[in-house]
Structure formats: C-alpha cells, structure tokens
C-alpha cells in the first residue's frame, strides 16, 4: 500500500510505469507480489525450508550427480550462501536432468527427466501455484491442490446425467515433450512479468538431458519428473481451457487428458475438428489421431474409469483395461517360479491392492472384487501346493492340517495339475479363507467395504 501511495504523488509517466511494475495488464503480478519482490519470495527461508521438507517427504530419486535427498541437508549446510548468491544474481545454472524410461502398460516407455535434488524447483512452484490457482479453470483437475482424479470422475458422471452422452476423447502425442518454450514463456508472462523469475524458469526448461553419457539440449518440452513440470503443463493447456470455456463447452481436463462432452456425435466431430486446429496451429502440439475419438462415456476410458447406468443414473466403474491390468499384475506376483518369502509376497499384494482399491473404490465393482478374491485365493493355494514339491513334504503338511494319514497319503499322491489341485477339496478344506487371511493374505472384499464406508 505504501508503494501505491507514493506512486499517486508522482507525475503521470511515473505513475503508469510504477503501476505496470506492480500489476500486469491482465491482472497478474509483475516484479512484486503483495509488495515483495519475487526473488525474495522464492528465496525466503520459510519457503525454502518448506520446499526442503517436501523434497524429503517425497523421497525422490537422485539426479545425475548421485546426491540423495538424505545427503541434501549436509550439502545445503555447507553451500547455502553460495547457492543463494548464485540464484539471486542470476548466475545459477541447473544441472541437466537424468533421463529415465519407465515401462507403460501398452509396452511402450514413458520418458522421465529426474533433476538433481538441489534443482527440485519446489520453491518456485510454491510461489507460482497460488497465483495461477486464481486463473485456472474449474474444469481442470490434474496436479492442483485440493483436486484430484476422483473429483474429475464425479464431474464426468454429473455431465452424463445432464444429457451429455457423447465425449470427444482427446489424446495428445508426447505432450510433455512437445511444449513450445517461447509460447509457454508468453503464457507465463500473462500473469508474471518478473525478469528474474522468468529467467530462472527458462534455465530449468533449457537445462538439457543426460541420457547415459550423452548430453542433449532441450529446445522444447517440460520433462516429466521435475516439480515444476506439472504446473507449467497446466499453464500451457490453460489456453485450451479458456478457448473451450469461451465457446460454452462442457469439459473435464486432467493434465493432458482432456474430455469434451457434447449431446450428439455430429457435434462431437465438429468440436474435434475445431479443437484439433487450435491445438496444432496455436499451441504447436500434435493430436494423436489414432487414439483420439468421439464416442460414448459408457465405453471409453478416462483416468482408468468408464461409466455404467442404472435406474438411478450414471455411476463410475473401473474400465475393463484396468481390471485386466490389476489381474495380470497379481498373476505376475503369484507366479509359481518366483523365489520370494510368504511375508514379502503378502506385503506386495497388500501394497498393490490397497492403493488400487483406494483409487477405484469410488466406482461400483463389488462383484468383480469378489471374483478377484476367489481367483487370488486359488493362486495362493496353487503356489502353496507347488512349494511343497515332494510327496513326503505334501504328506507331512496335510497331516499338520488335520488330515488322517490315509487321506493325506491319497491326496499327496494326486496326479492333478497345480491349478486343478488349488480348486480341489484337498486345498479348499485345509487352507480355508480364514487360514489364508491368518497367513497374511488381504481380504479384498472386506477392504473395499471398509474404504467405501469411510
């Protein structure tokens, strides 16, 4: 407030100049926010300490220098002043990110860029995020505070119940690697015009990638893996949000997954044509024509879900692809050739299924989970029988499970295959569901019920 009062006493030219330094012409922030320079906001002790705590809690992987989050505290203690000075005077240069490729369910790989722990960018995110939360669309749900995939799915369900029975399912080809740096910086400047902060963001964008021993310049893209990348990706696609809003479209966007809801297939095809032109001509990203389609929300997949309909209207449920993937994952975990302890196996199953059920628990899937429970128990019984291996071991184990010597001898000598034996009375009566739970096997149906009742 003091700065504004001083400005009012100056001549017209100074007043105009001073005002632009405090506020952008579109209502954003320029070189100050609430009277404080952005460099001071980013490098404030409280902001840096919060960024450090979040880095430790996230337990991110080491970058190209091999420094872990645990080693960061000692490094900052020894180099804090030097680091802050280089950041403040603009001589700081982020190290290249480390290229890491992780497999995707379809067999391809996702390319991640892992920054060093010093370059985690969280301090910048903490300052920028509140500014952009004021301008981001209510229809954007990805990588935003107090919003998530469940909120997006609830919105999708609501739109279907409002009569939007067709969806334009947009798929952007390698979106995070295609973001145009110059366009992105222009979009950032709509809200923030601070030269120091813009320079630092540009440094992060162009720090390069180290793949093995080969360095590659980054002239486009926001490498997935950095803390700043999701925010920048949202800033970029906020331009799409603004276009869709101005045209009165109903849509839901989660990062680069965008669904536009319409009331007829013809309308959807028209919208797809116009949006494709905007994305490719204005935003310089490529629409994947093979994966982009106009169809029914009852069949298409969005964030792992699809919709079902009953007399009460639409409801979310896991897509068939999600069901197949989780079953395949459990099948690999319980493979007969895996040399893994029971304790570790039960832990792996619990970790996998706790997260899966938490995510898909907002959908209807009681029958599927009951079937999955039965199948998983059979997989475990099969594995138990396989691990007993020898006839003598099987005989002794069956005796321990309260079979008579005659019954144990007969059943131990069975010529049935592993899978058939897993469904036989031999295993179902000796290794009951209750005994498997005592062994540590998660009861999926009970867990789902607890999740849905909380």
Protein backbone atom coordinates (compact mmCIF):
# COMPACT_ATOMS: atom_id res chain seq x y z
CA UNK A 1 0.00 0.00 0.00
CA UNK A 2 2.86 2.40 0.71
CA UNK A 3 4.25 1.90 -2.81
CA UNK A 4 0.90 2.75 -4.37
CA UNK A 5 0.54 5.91 -2.27
CA UNK A 6 3.97 7.13 -3.37
CA UNK A 7 3.10 6.42 -6.99
CA UNK A 8 -0.03 8.56 -6.83
CA UNK A 9 2.13 11.58 -5.90
CA UNK A 10 4.41 11.15 -8.90
CA UNK A 11 3.84 12.53 -12.40
CA UNK A 12 1.66 10.69 -14.97
CA UNK A 13 4.55 8.89 -16.67
CA UNK A 14 5.99 7.58 -13.43
CA UNK A 15 2.56 6.54 -12.23
CA UNK A 16 1.98 4.46 -15.35
CA UNK A 17 5.42 2.85 -15.15
CA UNK A 18 5.12 2.09 -11.46
CA UNK A 19 1.67 0.57 -11.91
CA UNK A 20 2.88 -1.80 -14.61
CA UNK A 21 5.68 -2.96 -12.34
CA UNK A 22 3.15 -3.91 -9.70
CA UNK A 23 0.42 -5.40 -11.89
CA UNK A 24 0.27 -6.86 -15.39
CA UNK A 25 -2.35 -5.51 -17.76
CA UNK A 26 -4.30 -8.77 -17.48
CA UNK A 27 -4.49 -8.66 -13.70
CA UNK A 28 -1.41 -10.73 -12.94
CA UNK A 29 1.74 -9.96 -10.99
CA UNK A 30 4.83 -8.28 -12.40
CA UNK A 31 8.01 -7.85 -10.37
CA UNK A 32 6.30 -7.83 -6.98
CA UNK A 33 3.58 -9.71 -5.18
CA UNK A 34 1.96 -8.06 -2.17
CA UNK A 35 4.82 -5.56 -2.17
CA UNK A 36 7.56 -8.24 -2.07
CA UNK A 37 9.98 -8.98 -4.91
CA UNK A 38 9.64 -12.47 -6.40
CA UNK A 39 13.29 -13.20 -5.76
CA UNK A 40 12.68 -12.56 -2.07
CA UNK A 41 9.53 -14.71 -2.08
CA UNK A 42 11.27 -17.70 -3.70
CA UNK A 43 14.43 -17.42 -1.60
CA UNK A 44 12.67 -16.69 1.70
CA UNK A 45 13.87 -19.00 4.46
CA UNK A 46 10.36 -20.27 5.19
CA UNK A 47 9.68 -21.04 1.53
CA UNK A 48 13.00 -22.87 1.10
CA UNK A 49 12.51 -24.83 4.31
CA UNK A 50 9.06 -25.94 3.18
CA UNK A 51 10.49 -27.00 -0.20
CA UNK A 52 13.21 -28.98 1.60
CA UNK A 53 10.64 -30.76 3.80
CA UNK A 54 8.54 -31.69 0.79
CA UNK A 55 11.59 -32.99 -1.04
CA UNK A 56 12.39 -35.23 1.94
CA UNK A 57 8.81 -36.48 2.27
CA UNK A 58 8.59 -37.30 -1.44
CA UNK A 59 11.86 -39.30 -1.30
CA UNK A 60 12.68 -38.51 -4.90
CA UNK A 61 15.39 -40.32 -6.84
CA UNK A 62 18.89 -38.89 -7.22
CA UNK A 63 19.79 -36.90 -10.34
CA UNK A 64 22.95 -37.02 -12.45
CA UNK A 65 25.19 -36.05 -9.51
CA UNK A 66 24.02 -39.04 -7.46
CA UNK A 67 23.10 -36.90 -4.46
CA UNK A 68 20.19 -38.32 -2.47
CA UNK A 69 17.58 -36.40 -0.50
CA UNK A 70 19.24 -37.64 2.70
CA UNK A 71 22.53 -36.01 1.63
CA UNK A 72 20.86 -32.72 0.70
CA UNK A 73 20.80 -31.37 4.26
CA UNK A 74 24.59 -31.57 4.66
CA UNK A 75 25.15 -30.09 1.19
CA UNK A 76 22.89 -27.11 1.94
CA UNK A 77 24.60 -26.54 5.29
CA UNK A 78 27.98 -26.23 3.55
CA UNK A 79 26.88 -24.44 0.36
CA UNK A 80 23.80 -22.45 1.32
CA UNK A 81 25.26 -18.94 0.99
CA UNK A 82 26.98 -19.70 -2.31
CA UNK A 83 23.81 -21.24 -3.71
CA UNK A 84 21.60 -18.34 -2.64
CA UNK A 85 24.04 -15.78 -4.06
CA UNK A 86 24.10 -17.50 -7.46
CA UNK A 87 20.31 -17.72 -7.50
CA UNK A 88 19.90 -14.08 -6.52
CA UNK A 89 22.37 -12.65 -9.06
CA UNK A 90 21.16 -14.88 -11.92
CA UNK A 91 24.36 -16.91 -12.38
CA UNK A 92 22.78 -20.16 -11.15
CA UNK A 93 22.72 -22.93 -13.77
CA UNK A 94 20.61 -26.03 -13.13
CA UNK A 95 22.27 -29.34 -13.96
CA UNK A 96 20.85 -31.45 -16.81
CA UNK A 97 18.10 -33.85 -15.81
CA UNK A 98 18.74 -37.59 -15.84
CA UNK A 99 16.78 -39.50 -18.47
CA UNK A 100 14.85 -42.41 -17.02
CA UNK A 101 12.48 -44.58 -19.02
CA UNK A 102 9.73 -46.49 -17.24
CA UNK A 103 7.54 -49.10 -18.95
CA UNK A 104 3.91 -48.29 -19.75
CA UNK A 105 1.12 -50.89 -19.69
CA UNK A 106 0.88 -50.84 -23.50
CA UNK A 107 4.52 -51.93 -23.85
CA UNK A 108 5.95 -48.50 -24.70
CA UNK A 109 8.01 -46.40 -22.29
CA UNK A 110 7.46 -43.06 -20.58
CA UNK A 111 10.49 -40.77 -20.59
CA UNK A 112 11.08 -39.03 -17.28
CA UNK A 113 13.61 -36.33 -16.50
CA UNK A 114 14.93 -36.58 -12.95
CA UNK A 115 16.50 -33.30 -11.74
CA UNK A 116 19.15 -33.21 -9.04
CA UNK A 117 17.81 -32.81 -5.51
CA UNK A 118 19.22 -29.27 -5.43
CA UNK A 119 17.25 -28.40 -8.59
CA UNK A 120 13.90 -29.80 -7.45
CA UNK A 121 12.15 -26.47 -8.30
CA UNK A 122 9.66 -26.85 -5.45
CA UNK A 123 10.42 -23.38 -4.05
CA UNK A 124 9.35 -21.80 -7.36
CA UNK A 125 6.20 -23.93 -7.51
CA UNK A 126 5.14 -22.80 -4.04
CA UNK A 127 5.27 -19.16 -5.11
CA UNK A 128 3.70 -19.56 -8.56
CA UNK A 129 0.94 -22.03 -7.72
CA UNK A 130 -1.28 -19.62 -5.69
CA UNK A 131 -1.07 -17.06 -8.50
CA UNK A 132 -2.25 -19.49 -11.15
CA UNK A 133 -4.90 -21.09 -8.96
CA UNK A 134 -6.75 -17.78 -9.33
CA UNK A 135 -6.92 -18.10 -13.12
CA UNK A 136 -7.05 -21.86 -13.79
CA UNK A 137 -10.35 -23.33 -14.95
CA UNK A 138 -12.69 -25.12 -12.55
CA UNK A 139 -12.75 -27.92 -15.14
CA UNK A 140 -9.03 -28.62 -14.70
CA UNK A 141 -8.25 -31.25 -12.04
CA UNK A 142 -4.73 -32.58 -12.59
CA UNK A 143 -1.79 -31.62 -10.32
CA UNK A 144 -3.73 -28.99 -8.44
CA UNK A 145 -4.20 -28.51 -4.68
CA UNK A 146 -7.38 -30.00 -3.20
CA UNK A 147 -8.33 -31.54 -6.54
CA UNK A 148 -7.78 -34.98 -7.98
CA UNK A 149 -8.90 -37.76 -10.28
CA UNK A 150 -11.92 -38.61 -8.12
CA UNK A 151 -13.23 -35.06 -8.47
CA UNK A 152 -12.81 -35.30 -12.24
CA UNK A 153 -14.71 -38.61 -12.39
CA UNK A 154 -17.55 -37.19 -10.29
CA UNK A 155 -17.80 -34.28 -12.73
CA UNK A 156 -17.89 -36.68 -15.68
CA UNK A 157 -20.71 -38.64 -14.03
CA UNK A 158 -22.64 -35.42 -13.40
CA UNK A 159 -22.27 -34.32 -17.04
CA UNK A 160 -23.63 -37.63 -18.32
CA UNK A 161 -26.64 -37.28 -16.06
CA UNK A 162 -27.18 -33.81 -17.55
CA UNK A 163 -27.59 -35.32 -21.01
CA UNK A 164 -24.02 -35.17 -22.36
CA UNK A 165 -23.94 -38.71 -23.76
CA UNK A 166 -21.06 -38.23 -26.21
CA UNK A 167 -17.47 -37.37 -25.48
CA UNK A 168 -14.55 -36.07 -27.52
CA UNK A 169 -11.68 -38.06 -26.05
CA UNK A 170 -8.52 -36.08 -26.90
CA UNK A 171 -5.13 -37.74 -26.91
CA UNK A 172 -2.06 -35.53 -27.29
CA UNK A 173 1.00 -37.21 -28.72
CA UNK A 174 4.02 -36.94 -26.38
CA UNK A 175 2.56 -33.76 -24.91
CA UNK A 176 5.13 -33.10 -22.18
CA UNK A 177 7.93 -33.37 -24.73
CA UNK A 178 6.26 -31.09 -27.28
CA UNK A 179 5.57 -27.92 -25.26
CA UNK A 180 6.90 -24.88 -27.12
CA UNK A 181 9.19 -22.91 -24.78
CA UNK A 182 8.57 -19.49 -26.33
CA UNK A 183 4.80 -19.91 -26.25
CA UNK A 184 4.97 -21.17 -22.68
CA UNK A 185 7.01 -18.17 -21.55
CA UNK A 186 4.49 -15.86 -23.23
CA UNK A 187 1.66 -17.56 -21.35
CA UNK A 188 3.54 -17.22 -18.05
CA UNK A 189 4.07 -13.51 -18.72
CA UNK A 190 0.31 -13.02 -18.84
CA UNK A 191 0.42 -13.32 -15.04
CA UNK A 192 4.07 -12.84 -14.06
CA UNK A 193 6.45 -10.38 -15.72
CA UNK A 194 9.35 -10.57 -13.30
CA UNK A 195 12.65 -10.85 -15.29
CA UNK A 196 14.46 -12.75 -12.52
CA UNK A 197 11.76 -15.40 -12.20
CA UNK A 198 11.24 -15.73 -15.95
CA UNK A 199 14.99 -16.19 -16.42
CA UNK A 200 15.10 -18.91 -13.76
CA UNK A 201 12.17 -20.79 -15.32
CA UNK A 202 13.83 -20.59 -18.73
CA UNK A 203 17.01 -22.02 -17.19
CA UNK A 204 15.07 -25.00 -15.85
CA UNK A 205 13.45 -25.58 -19.23
CA UNK A 206 16.72 -25.49 -21.17
CA UNK A 207 18.99 -27.31 -18.69
CA UNK A 208 19.21 -30.29 -21.03
CA UNK A 209 19.00 -34.06 -20.61
CA UNK A 210 21.76 -36.55 -19.84
CA UNK A 211 20.91 -39.96 -21.27
CA UNK A 212 23.63 -42.35 -20.20
CA UNK A 213 26.74 -40.37 -21.04
CA UNK A 214 25.17 -38.34 -23.86
CA UNK A 215 24.03 -34.75 -23.31
CA UNK A 216 21.11 -33.42 -25.32
CA UNK A 217 19.86 -29.83 -25.42
CA UNK A 218 16.20 -29.26 -24.60
CA UNK A 219 14.64 -26.81 -27.03
CA UNK A 220 11.06 -27.86 -26.27
CA UNK A 221 9.11 -29.79 -23.68
CA UNK A 222 8.76 -29.84 -19.91
CA UNK A 223 10.40 -33.09 -18.80
CA UNK A 224 8.15 -35.19 -16.57
CA UNK A 225 9.79 -35.78 -13.22
CA UNK A 226 10.52 -32.22 -12.16
CA UNK A 227 8.30 -30.48 -9.61
CA UNK A 228 7.73 -27.50 -11.90
CA UNK A 229 6.69 -29.52 -14.96
CA UNK A 230 3.05 -30.24 -13.94
CA UNK A 231 2.40 -26.57 -13.18
CA UNK A 232 3.94 -25.44 -16.47
CA UNK A 233 1.92 -28.07 -18.33
CA UNK A 234 -1.27 -26.71 -16.77
CA UNK A 235 -0.29 -23.13 -17.64
CA UNK A 236 0.18 -24.16 -21.26
CA UNK A 237 -3.11 -26.06 -21.58
CA UNK A 238 -4.97 -23.36 -19.70
CA UNK A 239 -5.12 -21.70 -23.12
CA UNK A 240 -7.18 -24.66 -24.32
CA UNK A 241 -9.38 -24.35 -21.23
CA UNK A 242 -10.00 -20.69 -21.99
CA UNK A 243 -10.98 -21.49 -25.58
CA UNK A 244 -13.41 -24.24 -24.54
CA UNK A 245 -14.93 -22.02 -21.85
CA UNK A 246 -15.39 -19.10 -24.24
CA UNK A 247 -17.27 -21.41 -26.63
CA UNK A 248 -19.52 -22.73 -23.88
CA UNK A 249 -18.26 -26.33 -23.97
CA UNK A 250 -18.54 -28.73 -21.05
CA UNK A 251 -15.21 -30.42 -20.47
CA UNK A 252 -13.00 -32.14 -17.92
CA UNK A 253 -9.21 -31.97 -18.14
CA UNK A 254 -6.68 -33.86 -16.05
CA UNK A 255 -3.18 -32.73 -17.13
CA UNK A 256 -3.02 -33.67 -20.84
CA UNK A 257 -6.09 -35.95 -20.68
CA UNK A 258 -9.00 -33.85 -21.89
CA UNK A 259 -12.58 -34.96 -22.49
CA UNK A 260 -15.12 -32.61 -24.07
CA UNK A 261 -18.77 -33.56 -23.54
CA UNK A 262 -21.46 -32.96 -26.15
CA UNK A 263 -25.03 -34.14 -26.83
CA UNK A 264 -24.58 -35.65 -30.28
CA UNK A 265 -21.89 -37.43 -32.27
CA UNK A 266 -22.13 -34.85 -35.04
CA UNK A 267 -21.47 -32.04 -32.57
CA UNK A 268 -18.52 -34.00 -31.19
CA UNK A 269 -16.94 -34.42 -34.61
CA UNK A 270 -17.31 -30.69 -35.29
CA UNK A 271 -15.75 -29.81 -31.93
CA UNK A 272 -12.89 -32.26 -32.52
CA UNK A 273 -12.08 -30.67 -35.87
CA UNK A 274 -12.00 -27.13 -34.44
CA UNK A 275 -10.05 -28.06 -31.31
CA UNK A 276 -7.50 -30.01 -33.33
CA UNK A 277 -6.81 -26.91 -35.44
CA UNK A 278 -6.31 -24.81 -32.31
CA UNK A 279 -4.01 -27.32 -30.62
CA UNK A 280 -1.83 -27.94 -33.67
CA UNK A 281 -1.76 -24.42 -35.13
CA UNK A 282 -1.83 -22.26 -31.99
CA UNK A 283 -0.28 -24.45 -29.29
CA UNK A 284 2.05 -26.44 -31.58
CA UNK A 285 1.15 -29.82 -30.08
CA UNK A 286 0.11 -32.91 -32.02
CA UNK A 287 -3.25 -34.62 -31.67
CA UNK A 288 -2.86 -38.40 -31.85
CA UNK A 289 -5.49 -39.21 -34.47
CA UNK A 290 -5.32 -42.96 -33.84
CA UNK A 291 -6.20 -42.60 -30.15
CA UNK A 292 -8.48 -39.54 -30.33
CA UNK A 293 -12.13 -40.41 -30.88
CA UNK A 294 -15.75 -39.36 -30.44
CA UNK A 295 -17.78 -41.96 -28.59
CA UNK A 296 -19.81 -42.95 -25.57
CA UNK A 297 -18.61 -42.41 -21.96
CA UNK A 298 -20.13 -45.85 -21.29
CA UNK A 299 -17.37 -47.44 -23.38
CA UNK A 300 -14.40 -45.06 -23.46
CA UNK A 301 -11.77 -44.95 -20.71
CA UNK A 302 -10.92 -41.80 -18.75
CA UNK A 303 -8.42 -41.92 -15.88
CA UNK A 304 -8.96 -45.69 -15.70
CA UNK A 305 -12.74 -45.39 -15.33
CA UNK A 306 -15.75 -45.76 -17.56
CA UNK A 307 -19.43 -45.17 -16.76
CA UNK A 308 -22.32 -47.52 -16.15
CA UNK A 309 -26.01 -46.67 -15.99
CA UNK A 310 -28.83 -47.98 -13.80
CA UNK A 311 -32.22 -46.66 -12.76
CA UNK A 312 -30.52 -44.05 -10.56
CA UNK A 313 -28.46 -42.66 -13.43
CA UNK A 314 -24.77 -42.90 -14.31
CA UNK A 315 -22.10 -44.24 -11.99
CA UNK A 316 -18.32 -44.75 -12.33
CA UNK A 317 -16.71 -48.17 -12.56
CA UNK A 318 -13.24 -49.46 -13.42
CA UNK A 319 -12.70 -49.89 -17.14
CA UNK A 320 -12.08 -53.40 -18.46
CA UNK A 321 -8.48 -52.44 -19.21
CA UNK A 322 -7.93 -51.50 -15.54
CA UNK A 323 -9.41 -54.82 -14.43
CA UNK A 324 -7.23 -56.82 -16.77
CA UNK A 325 -4.11 -54.96 -15.70
CA UNK A 326 -4.61 -55.49 -11.99
CA UNK A 327 -5.30 -59.19 -12.52
CA UNK A 328 -2.20 -59.51 -14.69
CA UNK A 329 -0.14 -57.74 -12.03
CA UNK A 330 -1.36 -60.16 -9.34
CA UNK A 331 -0.68 -63.07 -11.65
CA UNK A 332 2.94 -61.98 -12.01
CA UNK A 333 3.29 -61.52 -8.24
CA UNK A 334 1.99 -65.01 -7.54
CA UNK A 335 3.96 -66.73 -10.29
CA UNK A 336 4.98 -70.28 -9.34
CA UNK A 337 8.62 -69.71 -10.25
CA UNK A 338 9.13 -66.66 -8.01
CA UNK A 339 11.56 -67.25 -5.17
CA UNK A 340 10.06 -64.93 -2.60
CA UNK A 341 9.09 -65.36 1.05
CA UNK A 342 5.44 -65.54 2.07
CA UNK A 343 5.84 -62.42 4.18
CA UNK A 344 7.22 -60.41 1.26
CA UNK A 345 4.60 -61.75 -1.14
CA UNK A 346 1.74 -60.83 1.19
CA UNK A 347 3.27 -57.37 1.64
CA UNK A 348 3.50 -56.83 -2.13
CA UNK A 349 -0.11 -57.88 -2.64
CA UNK A 350 -1.32 -55.62 0.19
CA UNK A 351 0.60 -52.61 -1.07
CA UNK A 352 -0.65 -53.09 -4.62
CA UNK A 353 -4.27 -53.76 -3.78
CA UNK A 354 -4.63 -51.17 -1.02
CA UNK A 355 -3.71 -48.44 -3.49
CA UNK A 356 -5.81 -49.95 -6.30
CA UNK A 357 -8.91 -50.28 -4.13
CA UNK A 358 -8.46 -46.78 -2.72
CA UNK A 359 -8.34 -45.34 -6.24
CA UNK A 360 -11.14 -47.36 -7.83
CA UNK A 361 -13.23 -47.57 -4.65
CA UNK A 362 -15.48 -44.70 -5.74
CA UNK A 363 -16.80 -46.95 -8.51
CA UNK A 364 -19.17 -49.90 -8.47
CA UNK A 365 -17.15 -53.12 -8.53
CA UNK A 366 -18.39 -55.35 -5.71
CA UNK A 367 -18.94 -58.38 -7.95
CA UNK A 368 -15.58 -58.00 -9.71
CA UNK A 369 -13.69 -57.76 -6.40
CA UNK A 370 -15.47 -60.85 -5.06
CA UNK A 371 -14.41 -62.77 -8.16
CA UNK A 372 -10.89 -61.40 -7.86
CA UNK A 373 -10.80 -62.51 -4.22
CA UNK A 374 -11.72 -66.08 -5.18
CA UNK A 375 -9.21 -66.18 -8.02
CA UNK A 376 -6.40 -64.76 -5.86
CA UNK A 377 -7.02 -67.34 -3.13
CA UNK A 378 -6.76 -70.08 -5.76
CA UNK A 379 -3.47 -68.60 -6.96
CA UNK A 380 -2.11 -68.71 -3.40
CA UNK A 381 -3.31 -72.28 -2.84
CA UNK A 382 -1.68 -73.28 -6.11
CA UNK A 383 1.55 -71.65 -5.00
CA UNK A 384 1.44 -73.43 -1.64
CA UNK A 385 0.98 -76.81 -3.34
CA UNK A 386 3.80 -76.07 -5.78
CA UNK A 387 6.20 -75.11 -2.99
CA UNK A 388 5.55 -78.34 -1.12
CA UNK A 389 7.08 -80.06 -4.17
CA UNK A 390 7.95 -83.51 -2.84
CA UNK A 391 5.46 -86.21 -1.98
CA UNK A 392 6.86 -86.54 1.53
CA UNK A 393 6.52 -82.80 2.19
CA UNK A 394 2.92 -82.77 0.96
CA UNK A 395 2.08 -85.74 3.18
CA UNK A 396 3.56 -84.08 6.28
CA UNK A 397 1.89 -80.75 5.61
CA UNK A 398 -1.51 -82.37 5.11
CA UNK A 399 -1.11 -84.25 8.38
CA UNK A 400 -0.38 -80.91 10.10
CA UNK A 401 -3.60 -79.57 8.58
CA UNK A 402 -5.54 -82.30 10.43
CA UNK A 403 -5.97 -84.87 7.67
CA UNK A 404 -5.88 -88.51 8.61
CA UNK A 405 -2.77 -90.42 7.45
CA UNK A 406 -4.87 -92.28 4.89
CA UNK A 407 -6.40 -89.08 3.48
CA UNK A 408 -3.02 -87.36 3.45
CA UNK A 409 -1.43 -90.24 1.56
CA UNK A 410 -4.22 -90.32 -1.03
CA UNK A 411 -4.21 -86.57 -1.63
CA UNK A 412 -0.43 -86.23 -1.64
CA UNK A 413 -0.30 -88.78 -4.46
CA UNK A 414 -2.75 -86.88 -6.66
CA UNK A 415 -1.90 -86.56 -10.34
CA UNK A 416 -3.96 -83.41 -10.79
CA UNK A 417 -2.23 -80.30 -12.06
CA UNK A 418 -1.39 -77.39 -9.76
CA UNK A 419 -4.35 -75.21 -10.78
CA UNK A 420 -6.85 -78.05 -10.53
CA UNK A 421 -5.49 -79.06 -7.14
CA UNK A 422 -5.88 -75.46 -5.94
CA UNK A 423 -9.64 -75.81 -6.50
CA UNK A 424 -9.92 -79.28 -5.00
CA UNK A 425 -11.28 -80.15 -1.57
CA UNK A 426 -7.72 -81.00 -0.57
CA UNK A 427 -6.66 -77.36 -0.55
CA UNK A 428 -10.00 -75.59 -0.08
CA UNK A 429 -10.80 -77.51 3.11
CA UNK A 430 -7.30 -77.47 4.56
CA UNK A 431 -6.38 -73.91 3.55
CA UNK A 432 -9.68 -72.15 4.18
CA UNK A 433 -10.21 -68.44 3.50
CA UNK A 434 -9.70 -67.74 7.20
CA UNK A 435 -6.37 -69.59 7.26
CA UNK A 436 -5.17 -67.67 4.21
CA UNK A 437 -6.03 -64.41 5.96
CA UNK A 438 -4.04 -65.55 9.00
CA UNK A 439 -1.20 -66.26 6.60
CA UNK A 440 -1.37 -62.55 5.71
CA UNK A 441 -3.49 -62.55 2.54
CA UNK A 442 -5.61 -59.42 2.20
CA UNK A 443 -9.36 -59.91 2.02
CA UNK A 444 -10.14 -57.64 -0.93
CA UNK A 445 -13.91 -57.57 -0.42
CA UNK A 446 -13.64 -56.57 3.24
CA UNK A 447 -11.05 -53.93 2.42
CA UNK A 448 -13.25 -52.45 -0.31
CA UNK A 449 -16.21 -52.34 2.07
CA UNK A 450 -14.15 -50.50 4.68
CA UNK A 451 -12.93 -47.99 2.08
CA UNK A 452 -16.42 -47.31 0.75
CA UNK A 453 -17.91 -46.94 4.23
CA UNK A 454 -15.40 -44.32 5.40
